[in-house]
Amino acid sequence: MTGWRGWASITSGRLYYGGHIGAGGMHAHHAVQLLVGEGLTLRGDEGPAYETTAALVPADTRHAIVRGTADGLLALIDPAQAGRLAQRPAAGSAASWSIDARLPPRRDLPGLVALVDEVIGTTPPRPSHPALVHAMRIIDGTLPEQVRLAAVADAVHLSESRLAHLFRQQAGLPFRPYVLWTRLRGALSALSHGATLTDAAHAAGFADAAHLTRTVRRMMGDAPSALAAGVRWLEG
């Protein structure tokens, strides 16, 4: 998708965006996508293009944005945080993705967060276990180097299974997806501050620019440069 011009914020398991949503060709990404805006027109692998004001596209489902919107909201949600909605059938017809949701009065980050929670019925857990909080700090401090569950568990004096359970229970994501979203956040933050694609990839622990690009396309459906240019990044 091209034409990202607005604000964005990335947290563990979610990317929030508000602003201009441009048209884009057929693609799929490993995230549940919520789109809300006047005049949105989507197309799937089957059936005609379909105009809607709100759509929830299942993960790993090919879709195209035939017509975007000048002032819309978009969220990408890791399937692990999407609950039962992650299990929606990946139908090829855009009409099946339409949902009953409206743009909130305030089209800002708090308004979009509240809308996502309302639509998917899940609020991201707030980590409270001291060992989990410590583990998250260790991950932040370890990147861009490789992060291993065994090493982090040992550092916080928990078994691997116990720490893995805490990530699923209180972070809302298994350990490895949590680390990946943390890497993505670091890479996009570096790009937004003017880093080259190669430097951003290395700063976040990706092998190279191509590795970062493939990962961002798979998770978010566009190139990392498109997500950085023209976007004002907010703290989640």
Protein backbone atom coordinates (compact mmCIF):
# COMPACT_ATOMS: atom_id res chain seq x y z
CA MET A 1 0.00 0.00 0.00
CA THR A 2 1.32 3.44 -0.87
CA GLY A 3 0.48 6.88 0.42
CA TRP A 4 1.09 6.59 4.16
CA ARG A 5 0.70 10.18 5.43
CA GLY A 6 -0.33 10.54 9.05
CA TRP A 7 0.63 9.33 12.52
CA ALA A 8 1.53 5.84 13.67
CA SER A 9 2.46 3.93 16.79
CA ILE A 10 3.76 0.40 17.18
CA THR A 11 3.47 -1.68 20.35
CA SER A 12 4.07 -5.33 21.07
CA GLY A 13 1.66 -7.04 18.73
CA ARG A 14 -0.03 -4.01 17.19
CA LEU A 15 0.55 -1.19 14.75
CA TYR A 16 -1.86 1.75 14.89
CA TYR A 17 -2.18 4.32 12.10
CA GLY A 18 -4.34 7.34 11.39
CA GLY A 19 -4.36 9.54 8.31
CA HIS A 20 -4.37 9.08 4.56
CA ILE A 21 -4.88 5.48 3.47
CA GLY A 22 -3.80 5.01 -0.12
CA ALA A 23 -4.70 2.41 -2.71
CA GLY A 24 -2.60 -0.74 -2.97
CA GLY A 25 -2.36 -3.87 -5.07
CA MET A 26 -3.15 -7.42 -4.05
CA HIS A 27 -1.13 -8.55 -1.05
CA ALA A 28 -1.38 -10.49 2.22
CA HIS A 29 0.27 -10.08 5.60
CA HIS A 30 0.53 -12.06 8.82
CA ALA A 31 -1.65 -9.70 10.80
CA VAL A 32 -5.35 -9.11 11.22
CA GLN A 33 -6.13 -5.74 9.64
CA LEU A 34 -8.81 -3.29 10.75
CA LEU A 35 -9.69 -0.52 8.28
CA VAL A 36 -12.16 2.27 9.02
CA GLY A 37 -12.90 5.26 6.79
CA GLU A 38 -15.39 6.81 4.41
CA GLY A 39 -15.36 5.46 0.87
CA LEU A 40 -12.98 2.56 1.40
CA THR A 41 -13.18 0.04 -1.44
CA LEU A 42 -11.58 -3.39 -1.10
CA ARG A 43 -11.17 -6.38 -3.37
CA GLY A 44 -10.42 -10.01 -2.57
CA ASP A 45 -9.45 -12.97 -4.72
CA GLU A 46 -13.14 -13.62 -5.34
CA GLY A 47 -16.08 -11.40 -6.18
CA PRO A 48 -16.25 -7.73 -7.15
CA ALA A 49 -14.75 -4.75 -5.38
CA TYR A 50 -16.78 -3.79 -2.29
CA GLU A 51 -17.23 -0.36 -0.72
CA THR A 52 -17.43 -0.21 3.07
CA THR A 53 -16.78 2.10 5.99
CA ALA A 54 -15.22 -0.61 8.15
CA ALA A 55 -13.55 -3.92 7.41
CA LEU A 56 -11.67 -6.58 9.31
CA VAL A 57 -9.39 -8.58 7.01
CA PRO A 58 -8.21 -11.94 8.40
CA ALA A 59 -4.49 -12.67 8.60
CA ASP A 60 -2.74 -14.23 5.60
CA THR A 61 -5.61 -13.22 3.31
CA ARG A 62 -4.98 -11.69 -0.10
CA HIS A 63 -6.67 -8.33 -0.51
CA ALA A 64 -6.30 -5.04 -2.33
CA ILE A 65 -7.31 -1.52 -1.39
CA VAL A 66 -8.92 -0.31 -4.62
CA ARG A 67 -9.75 3.09 -3.17
CA GLY A 68 -8.42 4.49 0.06
CA THR A 69 -9.61 7.39 2.18
CA ALA A 70 -8.22 10.79 3.07
CA ASP A 71 -8.78 10.50 6.81
CA GLY A 72 -9.06 6.95 8.07
CA LEU A 73 -7.84 4.61 10.76
CA LEU A 74 -5.96 1.35 10.37
CA ALA A 75 -4.66 -1.23 12.80
CA LEU A 76 -2.53 -4.33 12.26
CA ILE A 77 -2.95 -6.89 15.02
CA ASP A 78 -0.87 -9.99 15.63
CA PRO A 79 -3.13 -13.06 15.39
CA ALA A 80 -2.10 -14.03 18.92
CA GLN A 81 -3.82 -10.86 20.20
CA ALA A 82 -6.87 -11.05 17.94
CA GLY A 83 -8.57 -13.82 19.90
CA ARG A 84 -11.46 -15.56 18.17
CA LEU A 85 -11.35 -13.07 15.29
CA ALA A 86 -8.02 -14.53 14.22
CA GLN A 87 -9.94 -17.69 13.36
CA ARG A 88 -12.33 -15.99 10.92
CA PRO A 89 -12.35 -17.80 7.57
CA ALA A 90 -10.05 -16.16 5.04
CA ALA A 91 -12.80 -15.75 2.47
CA GLY A 92 -11.80 -14.38 -0.90
CA SER A 93 -14.75 -11.96 -1.09
CA ALA A 94 -14.26 -8.44 0.25
CA ALA A 95 -17.95 -8.25 1.20
CA SER A 96 -17.35 -10.83 3.93
CA TRP A 97 -14.86 -8.53 5.68
CA SER A 98 -17.29 -5.68 6.28
CA ILE A 99 -18.12 -5.05 9.95
CA ASP A 100 -20.34 -2.71 11.94
CA ALA A 101 -17.88 -0.12 13.23
CA ARG A 102 -17.69 3.63 12.93
CA LEU A 103 -14.94 6.19 13.05
CA PRO A 104 -14.59 7.46 16.63
CA PRO A 105 -15.18 11.18 17.28
CA ARG A 106 -11.48 11.55 18.03
CA ARG A 107 -9.28 10.08 15.32
CA ASP A 108 -6.21 9.96 17.52
CA LEU A 109 -4.24 7.13 19.11
CA PRO A 110 -6.47 6.72 22.21
CA GLY A 111 -9.54 6.71 19.97
CA LEU A 112 -8.11 4.01 17.71
CA VAL A 113 -6.90 1.88 20.63
CA ALA A 114 -10.39 1.98 22.11
CA LEU A 115 -11.94 1.11 18.74
CA VAL A 116 -9.64 -1.89 18.26
CA ASP A 117 -10.40 -3.17 21.75
CA GLU A 118 -14.12 -2.79 21.07
CA VAL A 119 -13.95 -4.63 17.74
CA ILE A 120 -11.78 -7.56 18.78
CA GLY A 121 -12.99 -7.68 22.38
CA THR A 122 -9.47 -7.96 23.74
CA THR A 123 -7.40 -5.40 25.60
CA PRO A 124 -3.66 -6.12 25.53
CA PRO A 125 -2.60 -7.39 28.96
CA ARG A 126 -0.43 -5.12 31.09
CA PRO A 127 2.66 -6.99 32.30
CA SER A 128 2.74 -7.00 36.09
CA HIS A 129 4.96 -9.92 37.10
CA PRO A 130 8.36 -8.45 38.15
CA ALA A 131 10.26 -11.22 36.36
CA LEU A 132 8.40 -10.53 33.11
CA VAL A 133 9.04 -6.79 33.35
CA HIS A 134 12.72 -7.59 33.97
CA ALA A 135 12.75 -9.97 31.00
CA MET A 136 11.36 -7.26 28.70
CA ARG A 137 14.11 -4.90 29.81
CA ILE A 138 16.69 -7.58 29.12
CA ILE A 139 15.30 -8.07 25.61
CA ASP A 140 15.49 -4.32 24.95
CA GLY A 141 19.05 -4.29 26.22
CA THR A 142 20.09 -7.38 24.25
CA LEU A 143 18.88 -6.22 20.84
CA PRO A 144 20.19 -6.11 18.19
CA GLU A 145 21.94 -9.31 19.25
CA GLN A 146 20.17 -12.66 19.17
CA VAL A 147 17.72 -13.17 22.03
CA ARG A 148 17.29 -16.68 23.42
CA LEU A 149 14.49 -17.74 25.75
CA ALA A 150 16.88 -19.90 27.80
CA ALA A 151 19.26 -17.02 28.45
CA VAL A 152 16.50 -14.58 29.41
CA ALA A 153 14.82 -17.16 31.68
CA ASP A 154 18.12 -17.83 33.40
CA ALA A 155 18.69 -14.10 33.94
CA VAL A 156 15.31 -13.64 35.63
CA HIS A 157 15.58 -16.91 37.61
CA LEU A 158 12.62 -18.67 36.03
CA SER A 159 12.25 -21.86 34.04
CA GLU A 160 11.81 -21.48 30.28
CA SER A 161 8.29 -22.86 30.47
CA ARG A 162 7.28 -20.45 33.24
CA LEU A 163 8.66 -17.42 31.42
CA ALA A 164 7.04 -18.52 28.16
CA HIS A 165 3.71 -18.81 30.01
CA LEU A 166 4.09 -15.29 31.41
CA PHE A 167 4.69 -13.87 27.93
CA ARG A 168 1.51 -15.50 26.61
CA GLN A 169 -0.52 -14.59 29.69
CA GLN A 170 0.63 -11.05 30.46
CA ALA A 171 2.30 -9.77 27.27
CA GLY A 172 -0.37 -11.23 25.02
CA LEU A 173 2.22 -12.84 22.72
CA PRO A 174 4.46 -15.89 22.75
CA PHE A 175 8.14 -15.14 23.34
CA ARG A 176 9.38 -15.22 19.74
CA PRO A 177 6.62 -13.03 18.25
CA TYR A 178 7.16 -10.58 21.12
CA VAL A 179 10.85 -10.30 20.21
CA LEU A 180 9.98 -9.87 16.53
CA TRP A 181 7.56 -7.01 17.19
CA THR A 182 10.21 -5.40 19.39
CA ARG A 183 12.70 -5.64 16.52
CA LEU A 184 10.16 -4.16 14.09
CA ARG A 185 9.48 -1.26 16.43
CA GLY A 186 13.21 -0.57 16.68
CA ALA A 187 13.74 -0.72 12.92
CA LEU A 188 10.81 1.57 12.10
CA SER A 189 11.88 4.00 14.81
CA ALA A 190 15.38 4.15 13.34
CA LEU A 191 13.97 4.75 9.85
CA SER A 192 11.73 7.54 11.13
CA HIS A 193 14.83 9.27 12.51
CA GLY A 194 16.61 9.19 9.16
CA ALA A 195 18.55 5.91 9.29
CA THR A 196 19.19 4.07 6.04
CA LEU A 197 17.37 0.80 5.48
CA THR A 198 20.60 -1.14 6.05
CA ASP A 199 21.45 0.74 9.25
CA ALA A 200 17.89 0.33 10.56
CA ALA A 201 18.02 -3.40 9.84
CA HIS A 202 21.30 -3.85 11.68
CA ALA A 203 20.19 -1.64 14.58
CA ALA A 204 17.19 -3.91 15.16
CA GLY A 205 18.99 -7.21 14.65
CA PHE A 206 17.90 -8.15 11.15
CA ALA A 207 20.51 -9.80 8.93
CA ASP A 208 20.33 -7.11 6.26
CA ALA A 209 17.99 -4.68 4.52
CA ALA A 210 16.44 -7.46 2.45
CA HIS A 211 15.62 -9.46 5.60
CA LEU A 212 13.96 -6.43 7.18
CA THR A 213 12.01 -5.67 4.00
CA ARG A 214 10.71 -9.24 3.68
CA THR A 215 9.65 -9.29 7.34
CA VAL A 216 7.86 -5.95 7.20
CA ARG A 217 6.06 -6.89 3.98
CA ARG A 218 4.95 -10.21 5.51
CA MET A 219 3.77 -8.62 8.76
CA MET A 220 2.43 -5.30 7.48
CA GLY A 221 1.96 -5.55 3.73
CA ASP A 222 4.31 -2.78 2.63
CA ALA A 223 7.99 -1.86 2.44
CA PRO A 224 9.56 -0.41 5.60
CA SER A 225 10.55 2.76 3.74
CA ALA A 226 6.87 3.40 2.94
CA LEU A 227 5.96 3.03 6.61
CA ALA A 228 8.61 5.55 7.67
CA ALA A 229 8.30 8.27 5.02
CA GLY A 230 5.49 10.72 5.67
CA VAL A 231 4.55 9.15 9.01
CA ARG A 232 4.84 10.86 12.39
CA TRP A 233 5.65 8.14 14.92
CA LEU A 234 4.13 8.37 18.39
CA GLU A 235 5.04 6.57 21.56
CA GLY A 236 2.66 3.68 22.25
